[in-house]
N, C-alpha and C. Protein backbone atom coordinates (compact mmCIF):
# COMPACT_ATOMS: atom_id res chain seq x y z
N MET A 1 -4.22 -9.12 -12.30
CA MET A 1 -3.47 -8.17 -11.49
C MET A 1 -2.04 -8.66 -11.38
N LYS A 2 -1.12 -7.93 -11.92
CA LYS A 2 0.29 -8.30 -11.89
C LYS A 2 1.03 -7.38 -10.93
N LEU A 3 1.03 -7.76 -9.66
CA LEU A 3 1.73 -7.00 -8.63
C LEU A 3 3.22 -7.28 -8.74
N THR A 4 4.01 -6.22 -8.87
CA THR A 4 5.45 -6.35 -9.01
C THR A 4 6.14 -6.32 -7.66
N SER A 5 5.74 -5.35 -6.82
CA SER A 5 6.42 -5.17 -5.55
C SER A 5 5.54 -4.35 -4.60
N LEU A 6 5.79 -4.50 -3.31
CA LEU A 6 5.20 -3.64 -2.29
C LEU A 6 6.33 -2.86 -1.65
N CYS A 7 6.10 -1.58 -1.43
CA CYS A 7 7.13 -0.72 -0.84
C CYS A 7 6.57 -0.03 0.40
N LEU A 8 7.40 0.06 1.39
CA LEU A 8 7.08 0.84 2.58
C LEU A 8 8.03 2.03 2.57
N ILE A 9 7.45 3.22 2.51
CA ILE A 9 8.23 4.45 2.37
C ILE A 9 7.81 5.40 3.48
N GLN A 10 8.79 6.06 4.10
CA GLN A 10 8.48 7.00 5.17
C GLN A 10 9.22 8.31 4.97
N MET A 11 8.74 9.30 5.69
CA MET A 11 9.44 10.59 5.71
C MET A 11 10.53 10.45 6.76
N GLY A 12 11.77 10.47 6.30
CA GLY A 12 12.91 10.33 7.21
C GLY A 12 13.50 11.68 7.55
N LEU A 13 14.62 11.65 8.20
CA LEU A 13 15.29 12.89 8.59
C LEU A 13 15.76 13.68 7.38
N ASN A 14 16.10 12.98 6.30
CA ASN A 14 16.60 13.65 5.09
C ASN A 14 15.59 13.63 3.95
N GLY A 15 14.32 13.47 4.26
CA GLY A 15 13.29 13.41 3.23
C GLY A 15 12.72 12.01 3.11
N LEU A 16 12.11 11.74 1.96
CA LEU A 16 11.50 10.43 1.75
C LEU A 16 12.56 9.35 1.65
N GLU A 17 12.29 8.21 2.29
CA GLU A 17 13.25 7.11 2.24
C GLU A 17 12.52 5.78 2.20
N LEU A 18 13.12 4.83 1.50
CA LEU A 18 12.59 3.48 1.42
C LEU A 18 12.94 2.74 2.70
N VAL A 19 11.92 2.16 3.32
CA VAL A 19 12.15 1.32 4.49
C VAL A 19 12.38 -0.11 4.01
N LYS A 20 11.49 -0.59 3.11
CA LYS A 20 11.61 -1.94 2.59
C LYS A 20 10.81 -2.07 1.31
N ALA A 21 11.32 -2.85 0.38
CA ALA A 21 10.58 -3.23 -0.82
C ALA A 21 10.57 -4.76 -0.86
N PHE A 22 9.40 -5.33 -1.12
CA PHE A 22 9.30 -6.78 -1.22
C PHE A 22 8.44 -7.16 -2.41
N PRO A 23 8.90 -8.05 -3.24
CA PRO A 23 10.30 -8.46 -3.38
C PRO A 23 11.13 -7.31 -3.94
N ALA A 24 12.40 -7.36 -3.71
CA ALA A 24 13.32 -6.29 -4.15
C ALA A 24 13.72 -6.55 -5.60
N VAL A 25 12.80 -6.30 -6.54
CA VAL A 25 13.03 -6.60 -7.95
C VAL A 25 13.20 -5.35 -8.81
N LEU A 26 12.95 -4.20 -8.25
CA LEU A 26 13.03 -2.96 -9.02
C LEU A 26 14.44 -2.41 -9.03
N THR A 27 14.80 -1.76 -10.13
CA THR A 27 16.13 -1.15 -10.22
C THR A 27 16.20 0.06 -9.28
N LYS A 28 17.40 0.47 -8.99
CA LYS A 28 17.59 1.64 -8.12
C LYS A 28 16.95 2.88 -8.74
N LYS A 29 17.09 3.03 -10.06
CA LYS A 29 16.51 4.18 -10.76
C LYS A 29 14.98 4.17 -10.64
N GLU A 30 14.36 3.00 -10.85
CA GLU A 30 12.90 2.88 -10.71
C GLU A 30 12.48 3.17 -9.28
N MET A 31 13.23 2.62 -8.33
CA MET A 31 12.90 2.81 -6.92
C MET A 31 12.96 4.28 -6.53
N ASN A 32 13.96 4.98 -7.01
CA ASN A 32 14.07 6.41 -6.70
C ASN A 32 12.87 7.19 -7.20
N LYS A 33 12.38 6.87 -8.41
CA LYS A 33 11.19 7.54 -8.94
C LYS A 33 9.96 7.22 -8.10
N ILE A 34 9.84 5.98 -7.70
CA ILE A 34 8.70 5.55 -6.89
C ILE A 34 8.73 6.24 -5.53
N ILE A 35 9.89 6.28 -4.92
CA ILE A 35 10.03 6.93 -3.61
C ILE A 35 9.62 8.40 -3.72
N PHE A 36 10.12 9.07 -4.75
CA PHE A 36 9.84 10.50 -4.94
C PHE A 36 8.34 10.76 -5.13
N GLN A 37 7.63 9.85 -5.78
CA GLN A 37 6.20 10.03 -6.06
C GLN A 37 5.29 9.41 -5.00
N SER A 38 5.84 8.80 -3.98
CA SER A 38 5.04 7.98 -3.07
C SER A 38 4.23 8.76 -2.04
N ILE A 39 4.63 9.94 -1.69
CA ILE A 39 3.84 10.73 -0.74
C ILE A 39 3.53 12.06 -1.42
N PRO A 40 2.31 12.18 -1.94
CA PRO A 40 1.94 13.41 -2.64
C PRO A 40 2.08 14.64 -1.73
N PHE A 41 2.40 15.77 -2.32
CA PHE A 41 2.52 17.01 -1.57
C PHE A 41 1.18 17.30 -0.88
N GLY A 42 1.21 17.58 0.40
CA GLY A 42 0.00 17.87 1.15
C GLY A 42 -0.80 16.64 1.54
N ALA A 43 -0.20 15.47 1.43
CA ALA A 43 -0.92 14.23 1.75
C ALA A 43 -1.27 14.17 3.23
N ASN A 44 -2.41 13.56 3.50
CA ASN A 44 -2.88 13.40 4.87
C ASN A 44 -3.12 11.94 5.18
N ASP A 45 -3.19 11.65 6.45
CA ASP A 45 -3.49 10.32 6.93
C ASP A 45 -4.78 9.80 6.27
N GLY A 46 -4.71 8.62 5.66
CA GLY A 46 -5.88 8.03 5.03
C GLY A 46 -6.03 8.32 3.55
N ASP A 47 -5.17 9.16 2.99
CA ASP A 47 -5.25 9.45 1.55
C ASP A 47 -4.80 8.23 0.75
N PHE A 48 -5.42 8.05 -0.40
CA PHE A 48 -5.07 6.98 -1.33
C PHE A 48 -4.78 7.63 -2.67
N PHE A 49 -3.74 7.17 -3.36
CA PHE A 49 -3.38 7.76 -4.64
C PHE A 49 -2.98 6.69 -5.64
N THR A 50 -3.10 7.04 -6.91
CA THR A 50 -2.65 6.19 -8.00
C THR A 50 -1.91 7.07 -9.00
N ARG A 51 -0.75 6.60 -9.45
CA ARG A 51 0.07 7.36 -10.40
C ARG A 51 0.72 6.41 -11.39
N THR A 52 1.05 6.93 -12.55
CA THR A 52 1.85 6.16 -13.51
C THR A 52 3.26 6.71 -13.50
N ILE A 53 4.21 5.80 -13.55
CA ILE A 53 5.62 6.16 -13.61
C ILE A 53 6.23 5.27 -14.70
N ASN A 54 6.54 5.90 -15.82
CA ASN A 54 7.01 5.17 -17.00
C ASN A 54 6.00 4.09 -17.36
N LYS A 55 6.41 2.83 -17.35
CA LYS A 55 5.49 1.74 -17.72
C LYS A 55 4.87 1.07 -16.50
N ARG A 56 5.05 1.63 -15.36
CA ARG A 56 4.51 1.05 -14.14
C ARG A 56 3.41 1.94 -13.57
N VAL A 57 2.58 1.34 -12.74
CA VAL A 57 1.53 2.07 -12.04
C VAL A 57 1.75 1.83 -10.55
N ILE A 58 1.69 2.91 -9.78
CA ILE A 58 1.80 2.75 -8.33
C ILE A 58 0.52 3.24 -7.69
N CYS A 59 0.16 2.62 -6.60
CA CYS A 59 -0.93 3.15 -5.79
C CYS A 59 -0.54 2.95 -4.34
N GLY A 60 -0.89 3.91 -3.54
CA GLY A 60 -0.45 3.85 -2.16
C GLY A 60 -1.45 4.43 -1.19
N TYR A 61 -1.28 4.04 0.03
CA TYR A 61 -2.13 4.49 1.13
C TYR A 61 -1.24 5.22 2.13
N VAL A 62 -1.58 6.46 2.40
CA VAL A 62 -0.80 7.30 3.31
C VAL A 62 -1.33 7.11 4.73
N PHE A 63 -0.41 6.96 5.66
CA PHE A 63 -0.82 6.82 7.06
C PHE A 63 0.19 7.53 7.96
N SER A 64 -0.26 7.85 9.15
CA SER A 64 0.64 8.49 10.10
C SER A 64 0.92 7.52 11.24
N VAL A 65 2.14 7.62 11.73
CA VAL A 65 2.58 6.80 12.85
C VAL A 65 2.89 7.75 13.98
N HIS A 66 2.18 7.60 15.08
CA HIS A 66 2.38 8.50 16.22
C HIS A 66 3.56 8.04 17.05
N LYS A 67 4.38 8.99 17.39
CA LYS A 67 5.57 8.70 18.20
C LYS A 67 5.24 8.82 19.67
N ILE A 68 6.11 8.30 20.47
CA ILE A 68 5.94 8.32 21.92
C ILE A 68 6.53 9.61 22.48
N GLU A 69 5.91 10.12 23.51
CA GLU A 69 6.36 11.30 24.25
C GLU A 69 6.43 12.54 23.39
N LYS A 70 7.58 13.21 23.33
CA LYS A 70 7.68 14.52 22.69
C LYS A 70 8.03 14.47 21.21
N GLN A 71 8.19 13.28 20.65
CA GLN A 71 8.50 13.19 19.23
C GLN A 71 7.25 13.50 18.41
N ARG A 72 7.47 14.00 17.19
CA ARG A 72 6.34 14.31 16.32
C ARG A 72 5.89 13.05 15.59
N SER A 73 4.69 13.08 15.07
CA SER A 73 4.18 11.97 14.27
C SER A 73 4.94 11.91 12.95
N ASN A 74 5.00 10.73 12.38
CA ASN A 74 5.66 10.54 11.10
C ASN A 74 4.62 10.13 10.07
N ILE A 75 4.89 10.41 8.81
CA ILE A 75 3.98 10.02 7.74
C ILE A 75 4.70 8.98 6.87
N ALA A 76 3.92 8.01 6.39
CA ALA A 76 4.49 6.94 5.58
C ALA A 76 3.44 6.47 4.58
N THR A 77 3.87 5.64 3.64
CA THR A 77 2.92 5.01 2.71
C THR A 77 3.29 3.55 2.53
N ILE A 78 2.25 2.79 2.29
CA ILE A 78 2.45 1.43 1.80
C ILE A 78 2.01 1.53 0.34
N THR A 79 2.93 1.21 -0.56
CA THR A 79 2.74 1.45 -1.98
C THR A 79 2.87 0.15 -2.77
N ALA A 80 1.89 -0.10 -3.62
CA ALA A 80 1.92 -1.27 -4.50
C ALA A 80 2.38 -0.82 -5.88
N VAL A 81 3.23 -1.61 -6.50
CA VAL A 81 3.76 -1.32 -7.83
C VAL A 81 3.26 -2.40 -8.79
N PHE A 82 2.63 -1.97 -9.88
CA PHE A 82 2.07 -2.88 -10.88
C PHE A 82 2.75 -2.66 -12.23
N ASP A 83 2.74 -3.71 -13.05
CA ASP A 83 3.31 -3.63 -14.39
C ASP A 83 2.35 -3.02 -15.40
N SER A 84 1.06 -2.97 -15.06
CA SER A 84 0.06 -2.43 -15.99
C SER A 84 -1.11 -1.87 -15.18
N MET A 85 -2.07 -1.30 -15.90
CA MET A 85 -3.26 -0.76 -15.24
C MET A 85 -4.32 -1.83 -15.01
N ASP A 86 -3.98 -3.06 -15.24
CA ASP A 86 -4.90 -4.17 -15.07
C ASP A 86 -4.93 -4.63 -13.61
N PHE A 87 -5.47 -3.78 -12.74
CA PHE A 87 -5.61 -4.11 -11.33
C PHE A 87 -6.83 -3.36 -10.80
N GLN A 88 -7.25 -3.72 -9.61
CA GLN A 88 -8.44 -3.12 -9.01
C GLN A 88 -8.02 -2.14 -7.90
N PRO A 89 -8.01 -0.84 -8.18
CA PRO A 89 -7.59 0.13 -7.18
C PRO A 89 -8.43 0.08 -5.90
N ILE A 90 -9.73 -0.16 -6.03
CA ILE A 90 -10.60 -0.21 -4.84
C ILE A 90 -10.19 -1.37 -3.94
N PHE A 91 -9.84 -2.50 -4.52
CA PHE A 91 -9.37 -3.66 -3.76
C PHE A 91 -8.12 -3.29 -2.97
N ILE A 92 -7.15 -2.67 -3.64
CA ILE A 92 -5.90 -2.28 -2.98
C ILE A 92 -6.17 -1.30 -1.85
N LYS A 93 -7.00 -0.30 -2.12
CA LYS A 93 -7.34 0.68 -1.08
C LYS A 93 -7.99 0.00 0.12
N ASN A 94 -8.94 -0.89 -0.13
CA ASN A 94 -9.62 -1.59 0.97
C ASN A 94 -8.65 -2.41 1.81
N VAL A 95 -7.75 -3.12 1.16
CA VAL A 95 -6.77 -3.94 1.88
C VAL A 95 -5.87 -3.06 2.73
N PHE A 96 -5.29 -2.02 2.11
CA PHE A 96 -4.37 -1.15 2.85
C PHE A 96 -5.06 -0.45 4.01
N SER A 97 -6.27 0.05 3.77
CA SER A 97 -6.96 0.77 4.85
C SER A 97 -7.36 -0.20 5.97
N LEU A 98 -7.75 -1.43 5.63
CA LEU A 98 -8.07 -2.42 6.66
C LEU A 98 -6.86 -2.68 7.54
N ILE A 99 -5.72 -2.91 6.91
CA ILE A 99 -4.50 -3.21 7.67
C ILE A 99 -4.15 -2.06 8.61
N ILE A 100 -4.09 -0.86 8.07
CA ILE A 100 -3.67 0.30 8.88
C ILE A 100 -4.68 0.57 9.99
N GLN A 101 -5.98 0.53 9.68
CA GLN A 101 -7.00 0.80 10.70
C GLN A 101 -6.98 -0.22 11.82
N GLU A 102 -6.85 -1.50 11.48
CA GLU A 102 -6.80 -2.54 12.51
C GLU A 102 -5.59 -2.37 13.43
N LEU A 103 -4.45 -2.04 12.83
CA LEU A 103 -3.25 -1.84 13.64
C LEU A 103 -3.39 -0.59 14.51
N LYS A 104 -3.99 0.47 13.97
CA LYS A 104 -4.23 1.68 14.77
C LYS A 104 -5.21 1.41 15.90
N ASN A 105 -6.31 0.72 15.57
CA ASN A 105 -7.33 0.43 16.58
C ASN A 105 -6.78 -0.37 17.75
N ASN A 106 -5.75 -1.16 17.50
CA ASN A 106 -5.14 -1.97 18.55
C ASN A 106 -3.86 -1.35 19.09
N ASN A 107 -3.59 -0.10 18.72
CA ASN A 107 -2.43 0.66 19.20
C ASN A 107 -1.10 -0.06 18.97
N ILE A 108 -0.97 -0.73 17.82
CA ILE A 108 0.28 -1.43 17.53
C ILE A 108 0.89 -1.01 16.19
N LEU A 109 0.34 0.02 15.58
CA LEU A 109 0.86 0.47 14.29
C LEU A 109 2.26 1.05 14.46
N SER A 110 3.20 0.49 13.71
CA SER A 110 4.57 1.01 13.70
C SER A 110 5.20 0.68 12.35
N ILE A 111 6.21 1.43 12.00
CA ILE A 111 6.94 1.18 10.76
C ILE A 111 7.58 -0.21 10.83
N ASN A 112 8.12 -0.56 11.97
CA ASN A 112 8.77 -1.88 12.11
C ASN A 112 7.79 -3.02 11.91
N LEU A 113 6.58 -2.88 12.42
CA LEU A 113 5.59 -3.94 12.26
C LEU A 113 5.17 -4.08 10.80
N ILE A 114 4.90 -2.95 10.12
CA ILE A 114 4.53 -3.01 8.70
C ILE A 114 5.68 -3.64 7.90
N GLU A 115 6.90 -3.24 8.21
CA GLU A 115 8.07 -3.81 7.53
C GLU A 115 8.12 -5.34 7.71
N GLU A 116 7.82 -5.79 8.90
CA GLU A 116 7.85 -7.22 9.20
C GLU A 116 6.78 -8.01 8.44
N ILE A 117 5.57 -7.45 8.31
CA ILE A 117 4.49 -8.20 7.67
C ILE A 117 4.35 -7.90 6.17
N LEU A 118 5.20 -7.05 5.63
CA LEU A 118 5.12 -6.69 4.21
C LEU A 118 5.13 -7.91 3.27
N PRO A 119 6.01 -8.91 3.48
CA PRO A 119 5.96 -10.09 2.61
C PRO A 119 4.63 -10.85 2.69
N LYS A 120 4.03 -10.90 3.85
CA LYS A 120 2.74 -11.59 4.00
C LYS A 120 1.63 -10.81 3.31
N ILE A 121 1.71 -9.50 3.36
CA ILE A 121 0.73 -8.67 2.66
C ILE A 121 0.87 -8.89 1.15
N TYR A 122 2.10 -8.92 0.67
CA TYR A 122 2.36 -9.17 -0.75
C TYR A 122 1.74 -10.51 -1.18
N ASP A 123 2.04 -11.55 -0.44
CA ASP A 123 1.49 -12.88 -0.76
C ASP A 123 -0.04 -12.85 -0.73
N GLY A 124 -0.61 -12.16 0.24
CA GLY A 124 -2.06 -12.06 0.34
C GLY A 124 -2.68 -11.32 -0.83
N LEU A 125 -2.02 -10.29 -1.31
CA LEU A 125 -2.53 -9.56 -2.47
C LEU A 125 -2.49 -10.44 -3.73
N ILE A 126 -1.46 -11.24 -3.85
CA ILE A 126 -1.35 -12.15 -4.99
C ILE A 126 -2.50 -13.18 -4.92
N LYS A 127 -2.75 -13.72 -3.73
CA LYS A 127 -3.79 -14.74 -3.55
C LYS A 127 -5.19 -14.14 -3.42
N LYS A 128 -5.26 -12.81 -3.21
CA LYS A 128 -6.50 -12.08 -2.97
C LYS A 128 -7.20 -12.54 -1.70
N SER A 129 -6.40 -12.96 -0.76
CA SER A 129 -6.90 -13.40 0.53
C SER A 129 -5.72 -13.52 1.48
N PHE A 130 -5.90 -13.10 2.71
CA PHE A 130 -4.84 -13.31 3.68
C PHE A 130 -5.38 -13.39 5.10
N LYS A 131 -4.59 -14.05 5.92
CA LYS A 131 -4.85 -14.13 7.36
C LYS A 131 -3.47 -14.02 8.01
N ILE A 132 -3.21 -12.86 8.60
CA ILE A 132 -1.90 -12.58 9.18
C ILE A 132 -2.06 -12.43 10.69
N LYS A 133 -1.44 -13.32 11.42
CA LYS A 133 -1.47 -13.24 12.88
C LYS A 133 -0.35 -12.28 13.30
N VAL A 134 -0.75 -11.10 13.78
CA VAL A 134 0.21 -10.07 14.15
C VAL A 134 0.75 -10.33 15.56
N ASN A 135 -0.15 -10.65 16.46
CA ASN A 135 0.22 -11.02 17.82
C ASN A 135 -0.89 -11.90 18.39
N SER A 136 -0.85 -12.18 19.66
CA SER A 136 -1.85 -13.10 20.24
C SER A 136 -3.26 -12.53 20.21
N ASP A 137 -3.39 -11.21 20.11
CA ASP A 137 -4.71 -10.58 20.12
C ASP A 137 -5.19 -10.10 18.74
N VAL A 138 -4.29 -9.89 17.82
CA VAL A 138 -4.64 -9.27 16.54
C VAL A 138 -4.31 -10.18 15.36
N THR A 139 -5.34 -10.44 14.55
CA THR A 139 -5.18 -11.17 13.30
C THR A 139 -5.84 -10.35 12.20
N LEU A 140 -5.09 -10.09 11.15
CA LEU A 140 -5.61 -9.34 10.00
C LEU A 140 -6.13 -10.35 8.98
N GLU A 141 -7.39 -10.17 8.56
CA GLU A 141 -7.99 -11.08 7.58
C GLU A 141 -8.67 -10.29 6.48
N PHE A 142 -8.53 -10.80 5.25
CA PHE A 142 -9.21 -10.17 4.12
C PHE A 142 -9.42 -11.20 3.03
N ASP A 143 -10.62 -11.23 2.47
CA ASP A 143 -10.94 -12.05 1.30
C ASP A 143 -11.54 -11.15 0.26
N PHE A 144 -11.02 -11.23 -0.95
CA PHE A 144 -11.53 -10.43 -2.05
C PHE A 144 -12.58 -11.24 -2.78
N PRO A 145 -13.85 -10.82 -2.72
CA PRO A 145 -14.91 -11.59 -3.37
C PRO A 145 -14.75 -11.59 -4.89
N GLN A 146 -14.94 -12.75 -5.48
CA GLN A 146 -14.87 -12.87 -6.93
C GLN A 146 -16.27 -12.83 -7.50
N ASN A 147 -16.64 -11.72 -8.08
CA ASN A 147 -17.94 -11.61 -8.73
C ASN A 147 -17.80 -10.78 -10.00
N GLU A 148 -18.87 -10.55 -10.69
CA GLU A 148 -18.81 -9.84 -11.98
C GLU A 148 -18.22 -8.46 -11.84
N GLU A 149 -18.59 -7.72 -10.80
CA GLU A 149 -18.12 -6.35 -10.62
C GLU A 149 -16.60 -6.32 -10.47
N THR A 150 -16.04 -7.30 -9.76
CA THR A 150 -14.61 -7.26 -9.49
C THR A 150 -13.78 -7.84 -10.62
N THR A 151 -14.39 -8.55 -11.54
CA THR A 151 -13.61 -9.12 -12.63
C THR A 151 -13.59 -8.22 -13.85
N LYS A 152 -14.32 -7.11 -13.84
CA LYS A 152 -14.26 -6.16 -14.95
C LYS A 152 -12.89 -5.51 -14.98
N LYS A 153 -12.51 -5.05 -16.13
CA LYS A 153 -11.28 -4.29 -16.23
C LYS A 153 -11.41 -3.05 -15.35
N PRO A 154 -10.34 -2.57 -14.74
CA PRO A 154 -10.45 -1.50 -13.76
C PRO A 154 -11.07 -0.22 -14.28
N PHE A 155 -10.88 0.12 -15.54
CA PHE A 155 -11.40 1.38 -16.04
C PHE A 155 -12.58 1.17 -16.98
N GLN A 156 -13.11 -0.06 -17.03
CA GLN A 156 -14.25 -0.37 -17.87
C GLN A 156 -15.48 0.42 -17.43
N ASN A 157 -15.73 0.48 -16.12
CA ASN A 157 -16.87 1.22 -15.60
C ASN A 157 -16.83 2.68 -16.03
N PHE A 158 -15.63 3.28 -15.98
CA PHE A 158 -15.47 4.67 -16.34
C PHE A 158 -15.89 4.89 -17.80
N SER A 159 -15.39 4.04 -18.69
CA SER A 159 -15.70 4.21 -20.11
C SER A 159 -17.18 3.97 -20.36
N GLU A 160 -17.80 3.06 -19.63
CA GLU A 160 -19.24 2.82 -19.79
C GLU A 160 -20.02 4.04 -19.36
N ASP A 161 -19.58 4.70 -18.30
CA ASP A 161 -20.28 5.89 -17.81
C ASP A 161 -20.11 7.07 -18.76
N VAL A 162 -18.93 7.22 -19.33
CA VAL A 162 -18.65 8.35 -20.22
C VAL A 162 -19.39 8.19 -21.55
N TRP A 163 -19.38 7.00 -22.12
CA TRP A 163 -19.96 6.80 -23.43
C TRP A 163 -21.34 6.26 -23.27
């Protein structure tokens, strides 16, 4: 799995906007394409998507952030950018959904918090394990089990089923 970057993208006042990319290794042109493709039309809270953009593959988890008082909820994605299709989409989906659900369950989900822990999430995805202490009450933990099922090529199962 060759993770290139993690991006946090939200629906801003003027449309989709990048909140943060870590590490910031993508060109502006690549970033613009990723931003444009990061929230599918009609996306809902909890949706997961995978797309190819030129020679890169992106996958993202859509989530909503509820505002206080009379403001409307906002929609955002945490998006992983890969150099090839040699990654495990189910692993990425599980990690992203765990993070968002735990933060929601503890009523601390915010764009600022995701932006703050984005580098730790990136490092955890590289190591396939993380333990992120968000505050005194909340710690996010994930270990990706290494077994035969997870070491197969991502689309190997599909080809075995088809043929």
